[in-house]
Amino acid sequence: MSSETLISAREAYPVRIGALVMYCEQFKGVSTRNFAEKASVSGDTFFSNTNKKALRITLEGRIYDEYLPLRVLLFTNNFMNGDSVCNIEYRGLTFTNCHVLSVTAEDSGEEFIRASITLITTESITQSEVEADAG
């Protein structure tokens, strides 16, 4: 009796962040909401105010740059020093007016830089035009 085991792996997805291209291996999006709680005269709790916080997007992966491997630090540092924003597309979703919140870059002597970039935006997520036409 024989059996087969199918092993599949998803390839890293290229994401353009301004002039950089990151081959994203991991994506994380966090959206939260704040609630201001108050007590009523009777002792019950109610919400007096609520607001949506900005969406945080963390991309982790590889960046290849033969001539200036740590260009990711140069680019993101300059991005954070100014008021620059970028739009990114990830697997059919578009995130607009993203600000660079933080970056971590690690050079381990390989052909690429391992990086983590966290972006923040207050804009709504939209479906990419190509994906919207297909669906």
C-alpha atoms as a PDB file:
ATOM      1  CA  MET A   1       0.000   0.000   0.000  1.00  0.00           C
ATOM      2  CA  SER A   2       1.473   3.341  -1.031  1.00  0.00           C
ATOM      3  CA  SER A   3       0.505   6.847  -0.138  1.00  0.00           C
ATOM      4  CA  GLU A   4       1.343  10.269  -1.450  1.00  0.00           C
ATOM      5  CA  THR A   5       1.929  13.361   0.569  1.00  0.00           C
ATOM      6  CA  LEU A   6       1.343  16.615  -1.239  1.00  0.00           C
ATOM      7  CA  ILE A   7       3.501  19.428   0.054  1.00  0.00           C
ATOM      8  CA  SER A   8       2.646  22.870  -1.134  1.00  0.00           C
ATOM      9  CA  ALA A   9       4.226  26.181  -0.382  1.00  0.00           C
ATOM     10  CA  ARG A  10       3.064  29.653  -1.211  1.00  0.00           C
ATOM     11  CA  GLU A  11       5.622  31.851  -2.902  1.00  0.00           C
ATOM     12  CA  ALA A  12       6.544  35.231  -1.468  1.00  0.00           C
ATOM     13  CA  TYR A  13       4.329  37.981  -2.886  1.00  0.00           C
ATOM     14  CA  PRO A  14       6.094  41.047  -4.339  1.00  0.00           C
ATOM     15  CA  VAL A  15       4.912  44.292  -2.736  1.00  0.00           C
ATOM     16  CA  ARG A  16       6.084  47.693  -3.972  1.00  0.00           C
ATOM     17  CA  ILE A  17       6.618  50.219  -1.193  1.00  0.00           C
ATOM     18  CA  GLY A  18       7.658  53.377  -2.969  1.00  0.00           C
ATOM     19  CA  ALA A  19      10.940  52.525  -4.737  1.00  0.00           C
ATOM     20  CA  LEU A  20      11.426  49.257  -2.804  1.00  0.00           C
ATOM     21  CA  VAL A  21      10.129  45.831  -3.722  1.00  0.00           C
ATOM     22  CA  MET A  22       9.689  43.465  -0.802  1.00  0.00           C
ATOM     23  CA  TYR A  23       9.017  39.790  -1.380  1.00  0.00           C
ATOM     24  CA  CYS A  24       6.482  39.468   1.394  1.00  0.00           C
ATOM     25  CA  GLU A  25       6.436  36.162   3.242  1.00  0.00           C
ATOM     26  CA  GLN A  26       4.168  37.310   6.049  1.00  0.00           C
ATOM     27  CA  PHE A  27       1.413  39.924   6.226  1.00  0.00           C
ATOM     28  CA  LYS A  28      -0.381  41.172   9.298  1.00  0.00           C
ATOM     29  CA  GLY A  29      -3.138  43.780   9.413  1.00  0.00           C
ATOM     30  CA  VAL A  30      -4.525  45.110  12.693  1.00  0.00           C
ATOM     31  CA  SER A  31      -7.558  47.343  12.927  1.00  0.00           C
ATOM     32  CA  THR A  32      -8.944  48.419  16.292  1.00  0.00           C
ATOM     33  CA  ARG A  33     -11.595  50.680  17.725  1.00  0.00           C
ATOM     34  CA  ASN A  34     -11.568  52.810  20.903  1.00  0.00           C
ATOM     35  CA  PHE A  35     -14.539  53.103  23.224  1.00  0.00           C
ATOM     36  CA  ALA A  36     -14.878  55.724  25.975  1.00  0.00           C
ATOM     37  CA  GLU A  37     -16.804  54.180  28.859  1.00  0.00           C
ATOM     38  CA  LYS A  38     -18.708  56.224  31.430  1.00  0.00           C
ATOM     39  CA  ALA A  39     -20.854  55.334  34.393  1.00  0.00           C
ATOM     40  CA  SER A  40     -24.441  56.510  34.589  1.00  0.00           C
ATOM     41  CA  VAL A  41     -26.094  57.789  37.752  1.00  0.00           C
ATOM     42  CA  SER A  42     -27.665  54.348  38.235  1.00  0.00           C
ATOM     43  CA  GLY A  43     -24.255  52.664  38.042  1.00  0.00           C
ATOM     44  CA  ASP A  44     -24.662  51.240  34.535  1.00  0.00           C
ATOM     45  CA  THR A  45     -21.860  51.598  32.005  1.00  0.00           C
ATOM     46  CA  PHE A  46     -22.378  53.261  28.651  1.00  0.00           C
ATOM     47  CA  PHE A  47     -20.191  54.382  25.754  1.00  0.00           C
ATOM     48  CA  SER A  48     -19.908  58.136  25.435  1.00  0.00           C
ATOM     49  CA  ASN A  49     -17.692  58.122  22.374  1.00  0.00           C
ATOM     50  CA  THR A  50     -16.095  55.735  19.919  1.00  0.00           C
ATOM     51  CA  ASN A  51     -13.544  56.079  17.157  1.00  0.00           C
ATOM     52  CA  LYS A  52     -11.734  53.803  14.736  1.00  0.00           C
ATOM     53  CA  LYS A  53      -7.970  53.752  15.074  1.00  0.00           C
ATOM     54  CA  ALA A  54      -5.640  53.685  12.092  1.00  0.00           C
ATOM     55  CA  LEU A  55      -4.992  50.355  10.364  1.00  0.00           C
ATOM     56  CA  ARG A  56      -1.504  48.960  11.004  1.00  0.00           C
ATOM     57  CA  ILE A  57      -0.014  46.775   8.292  1.00  0.00           C
ATOM     58  CA  THR A  58       3.150  44.782   8.950  1.00  0.00           C
ATOM     59  CA  LEU A  59       4.972  43.210   6.015  1.00  0.00           C
ATOM     60  CA  GLU A  60       7.828  40.799   6.613  1.00  0.00           C
ATOM     61  CA  GLY A  61      10.031  39.361   3.919  1.00  0.00           C
ATOM     62  CA  ARG A  62      13.096  39.766   1.726  1.00  0.00           C
ATOM     63  CA  ILE A  63      14.453  42.762  -0.143  1.00  0.00           C
ATOM     64  CA  TYR A  64      17.049  42.223  -2.865  1.00  0.00           C
ATOM     65  CA  ASP A  65      19.402  45.076  -3.781  1.00  0.00           C
ATOM     66  CA  GLU A  66      22.704  44.123  -5.356  1.00  0.00           C
ATOM     67  CA  TYR A  67      24.277  47.587  -5.215  1.00  0.00           C
ATOM     68  CA  LEU A  68      23.089  48.963  -1.867  1.00  0.00           C
ATOM     69  CA  PRO A  69      21.721  46.119   0.246  1.00  0.00           C
ATOM     70  CA  LEU A  70      20.583  48.306   3.144  1.00  0.00           C
ATOM     71  CA  ARG A  71      18.795  50.795   0.881  1.00  0.00           C
ATOM     72  CA  VAL A  72      15.649  49.837   2.812  1.00  0.00           C
ATOM     73  CA  LEU A  73      16.976  51.807   5.810  1.00  0.00           C
ATOM     74  CA  LEU A  74      17.894  54.809   3.672  1.00  0.00           C
ATOM     75  CA  PHE A  75      14.505  54.811   1.949  1.00  0.00           C
ATOM     76  CA  THR A  76      12.343  54.267   5.025  1.00  0.00           C
ATOM     77  CA  ASN A  77      14.330  56.689   7.195  1.00  0.00           C
ATOM     78  CA  ASN A  78      13.884  59.420   4.580  1.00  0.00           C
ATOM     79  CA  PHE A  79      10.231  58.406   4.266  1.00  0.00           C
ATOM     80  CA  MET A  80       9.706  58.777   8.024  1.00  0.00           C
ATOM     81  CA  ASN A  81      11.554  62.118   8.181  1.00  0.00           C
ATOM     82  CA  GLY A  82       9.181  63.670   5.658  1.00  0.00           C
ATOM     83  CA  ASP A  83       5.438  63.563   5.275  1.00  0.00           C
ATOM     84  CA  SER A  84       5.582  61.028   2.439  1.00  0.00           C
ATOM     85  CA  VAL A  85       2.875  58.454   1.863  1.00  0.00           C
ATOM     86  CA  CYS A  86       2.651  55.448  -0.428  1.00  0.00           C
ATOM     87  CA  ASN A  87       0.019  53.093  -1.747  1.00  0.00           C
ATOM     88  CA  ILE A  88       0.539  49.345  -1.592  1.00  0.00           C
ATOM     89  CA  GLU A  89      -1.273  46.419  -3.158  1.00  0.00           C
ATOM     90  CA  TYR A  90      -1.273  43.030  -1.477  1.00  0.00           C
ATOM     91  CA  ARG A  91      -3.113  40.003  -2.885  1.00  0.00           C
ATOM     92  CA  GLY A  92      -5.970  41.961  -4.422  1.00  0.00           C
ATOM     93  CA  LEU A  93      -6.333  44.632  -1.752  1.00  0.00           C
ATOM     94  CA  THR A  94      -5.140  48.226  -2.046  1.00  0.00           C
ATOM     95  CA  PHE A  95      -4.024  50.259   0.954  1.00  0.00           C
ATOM     96  CA  THR A  96      -3.703  53.999   0.249  1.00  0.00           C
ATOM     97  CA  ASN A  97      -1.940  56.910   1.935  1.00  0.00           C
ATOM     98  CA  CYS A  98       0.280  54.658   4.050  1.00  0.00           C
ATOM     99  CA  HIS A  99       2.889  56.187   6.338  1.00  0.00           C
ATOM    100  CA  VAL A 100       5.969  54.216   7.395  1.00  0.00           C
ATOM    101  CA  LEU A 101       5.665  53.665  11.150  1.00  0.00           C
ATOM    102  CA  SER A 102       8.693  51.426  11.762  1.00  0.00           C
ATOM    103  CA  VAL A 103      11.271  49.305   9.999  1.00  0.00           C
ATOM    104  CA  THR A 104      13.636  46.533  10.996  1.00  0.00           C
ATOM    105  CA  ALA A 105      16.321  45.342   8.579  1.00  0.00           C
ATOM    106  CA  GLU A 106      18.733  42.469   9.107  1.00  0.00           C
ATOM    107  CA  ASP A 107      21.779  41.701   6.980  1.00  0.00           C
ATOM    108  CA  SER A 108      22.830  38.116   7.656  1.00  0.00           C
ATOM    109  CA  GLY A 109      25.305  37.823   4.808  1.00  0.00           C
ATOM    110  CA  GLU A 110      22.765  36.309   2.425  1.00  0.00           C
ATOM    111  CA  GLU A 111      21.794  37.573  -1.038  1.00  0.00           C
ATOM    112  CA  PHE A 112      18.948  39.563   0.477  1.00  0.00           C
ATOM    113  CA  ILE A 113      18.022  41.726   3.451  1.00  0.00           C
ATOM    114  CA  ARG A 114      15.400  40.321   5.780  1.00  0.00           C
ATOM    115  CA  ALA A 115      13.061  43.180   6.700  1.00  0.00           C
ATOM    116  CA  SER A 116       9.906  44.036   8.582  1.00  0.00           C
ATOM    117  CA  ILE A 117       8.071  47.235   7.654  1.00  0.00           C
ATOM    118  CA  THR A 118       5.040  48.517   9.535  1.00  0.00           C
ATOM    119  CA  LEU A 119       2.793  50.980   7.754  1.00  0.00           C
ATOM    120  CA  ILE A 120      -0.182  52.895   9.111  1.00  0.00           C
ATOM    121  CA  THR A 121      -3.190  54.337   7.279  1.00  0.00           C
ATOM    122  CA  THR A 122      -6.555  55.838   8.135  1.00  0.00           C
ATOM    123  CA  GLU A 123      -7.978  55.178   4.676  1.00  0.00           C
ATOM    124  CA  SER A 124     -10.478  52.450   3.797  1.00  0.00           C
ATOM    125  CA  ILE A 125      -9.208  49.260   2.175  1.00  0.00           C
ATOM    126  CA  THR A 126     -10.288  48.826  -1.448  1.00  0.00           C
ATOM    127  CA  GLN A 127     -10.242  45.918  -3.834  1.00  0.00           C
ATOM    128  CA  SER A 128      -7.644  46.206  -6.603  1.00  0.00           C
ATOM    129  CA  GLU A 129      -9.111  46.975 -10.022  1.00  0.00           C
ATOM    130  CA  VAL A 130      -7.707  43.809 -11.627  1.00  0.00           C
ATOM    131  CA  GLU A 131      -9.166  41.657  -8.836  1.00  0.00           C
ATOM    132  CA  ALA A 132     -12.494  43.518  -8.944  1.00  0.00           C
ATOM    133  CA  ASP A 133     -12.823  42.890 -12.699  1.00  0.00           C
ATOM    134  CA  ALA A 134     -12.129  39.163 -12.224  1.00  0.00           C
ATOM    135  CA  GLY A 135     -14.633  38.791  -9.377  1.00  0.00           C
END
